[in-house]
Amino acid sequence: MISMSKEYDKSDIKKFLIKLAAITFAIIIIINVTYNLIFAEKLENINKLIMLNKKENIDSVKDKIRVEIEKGLSKEKILDEEDKILIYKLYLKIKKEFQEIENK
């Protein structure tokens, strides 16, 4: 009887360790996939911004800006109504400040 319970104990421990290893492996994969889906691209963009002192990074940003400008110019309306109002108010404020400079 004693030897039979030891076999069950060894079998139970072996099953437990296999399940533990499988669960641990699954958790590591889930964390890795989550990290790659959520954070990796954002961290890559942050690194590009930090490395703007390198010429190739500056050229990359310039190219992206050019592409976005071309996309905007191909649209019939570039700005939403709210954006137009904000930019117009900013323009009026800047114009007023320049007039104050000319009057001094």
Protein backbone atom coordinates (compact mmCIF):
# COMPACT_ATOMS: atom_id res chain seq x y z
CA MET A 1 0.00 0.00 0.00
CA ILE A 2 2.77 2.42 0.85
CA SER A 3 4.56 1.88 -2.46
CA MET A 4 1.33 2.39 -4.39
CA SER A 5 0.71 5.80 -2.80
CA LYS A 6 4.30 6.83 -3.61
CA GLU A 7 3.65 5.98 -7.26
CA TYR A 8 0.52 8.11 -7.21
CA ASP A 9 2.47 10.92 -5.55
CA LYS A 10 5.20 10.75 -8.20
CA SER A 11 2.58 10.64 -10.93
CA ASP A 12 0.68 13.57 -9.42
CA ILE A 13 3.87 15.60 -9.00
CA LYS A 14 4.88 14.85 -12.59
CA LYS A 15 1.43 15.95 -13.87
CA PHE A 16 1.60 19.05 -11.70
CA LEU A 17 5.04 20.03 -13.00
CA ILE A 18 3.97 19.48 -16.62
CA LYS A 19 0.85 21.61 -16.10
CA LEU A 20 2.89 24.27 -14.32
CA ALA A 21 5.43 24.40 -17.15
CA ALA A 22 2.65 24.58 -19.77
CA ILE A 23 0.84 27.39 -17.93
CA THR A 24 4.09 29.31 -17.42
CA PHE A 25 4.97 28.93 -21.10
CA ALA A 26 1.48 30.11 -22.12
CA ILE A 27 1.70 33.16 -19.85
CA ILE A 28 5.10 34.09 -21.28
CA ILE A 29 3.73 33.84 -24.84
CA ILE A 30 0.67 35.95 -23.96
CA ILE A 31 2.83 38.64 -22.36
CA ASN A 32 5.20 38.65 -25.33
CA VAL A 33 2.39 38.92 -27.90
CA THR A 34 0.68 41.66 -25.90
CA TYR A 35 3.91 43.61 -25.62
CA ASN A 36 4.59 43.31 -29.35
CA LEU A 37 1.08 44.30 -30.36
CA ILE A 38 0.69 47.24 -28.02
CA PHE A 39 4.05 48.68 -27.10
CA ALA A 40 6.65 47.72 -29.70
CA GLU A 41 5.44 50.03 -32.48
CA LYS A 42 4.99 52.94 -30.09
CA LEU A 43 8.45 52.43 -28.62
CA GLU A 44 9.90 52.29 -32.12
CA ASN A 45 8.31 55.65 -32.94
CA ILE A 46 9.59 57.16 -29.71
CA ASN A 47 13.10 55.91 -30.50
CA LYS A 48 12.90 57.52 -33.94
CA LEU A 49 11.96 60.84 -32.37
CA ILE A 50 14.82 60.59 -29.91
CA MET A 51 17.27 59.79 -32.70
CA LEU A 52 16.38 62.84 -34.82
CA ASN A 53 20.01 63.91 -34.74
CA LYS A 54 20.87 61.22 -37.29
CA LYS A 55 20.52 62.21 -40.94
CA GLU A 56 18.60 59.11 -42.06
CA ASN A 57 16.01 59.65 -39.31
CA ILE A 58 15.60 63.28 -40.33
CA ASP A 59 15.15 62.23 -43.95
CA SER A 60 12.58 59.62 -42.90
CA VAL A 61 10.55 62.22 -41.00
CA LYS A 62 10.75 64.63 -43.97
CA ASP A 63 9.48 61.91 -46.31
CA LYS A 64 6.57 61.11 -44.00
CA ILE A 65 5.64 64.78 -43.79
CA ARG A 66 5.77 65.09 -47.58
CA VAL A 67 3.51 62.06 -48.00
CA GLU A 68 0.99 63.47 -45.54
CA ILE A 69 1.04 66.86 -47.27
CA GLU A 70 0.43 65.17 -50.62
CA LYS A 71 -2.48 63.21 -49.14
CA GLY A 72 -3.94 66.43 -47.75
CA LEU A 73 -3.59 68.28 -51.05
CA SER A 74 -5.37 65.50 -52.92
CA LYS A 75 -8.46 65.92 -50.73
CA GLU A 76 -11.20 68.38 -51.64
CA LYS A 77 -11.29 69.80 -48.10
CA ILE A 78 -8.15 69.66 -46.01
CA LEU A 79 -9.57 70.96 -42.73
CA ASP A 80 -12.66 70.26 -40.71
CA GLU A 81 -14.88 73.22 -39.82
CA GLU A 82 -13.60 73.29 -36.21
CA ASP A 83 -9.99 73.26 -37.38
CA LYS A 84 -10.68 76.11 -39.80
CA ILE A 85 -12.12 78.21 -37.00
CA LEU A 86 -9.18 77.51 -34.70
CA ILE A 87 -6.61 78.31 -37.36
CA TYR A 88 -8.46 81.48 -38.35
CA LYS A 89 -8.55 82.66 -34.70
CA LEU A 90 -4.84 81.89 -34.40
CA TYR A 91 -4.19 83.84 -37.62
CA LEU A 92 -6.14 86.86 -36.31
CA LYS A 93 -4.24 86.81 -33.01
CA ILE A 94 -0.87 86.59 -34.75
CA LYS A 95 -1.89 89.36 -37.16
CA LYS A 96 -2.87 91.56 -34.20
CA GLU A 97 0.48 90.94 -32.49
CA PHE A 98 2.37 91.86 -35.69
CA GLN A 99 0.33 95.05 -35.97
CA GLU A 100 1.29 95.92 -32.39
CA ILE A 101 4.95 95.46 -33.31
CA GLU A 102 4.57 97.75 -36.35
CA ASN A 103 2.87 100.45 -34.22
CA LYS A 104 5.72 100.57 -31.69
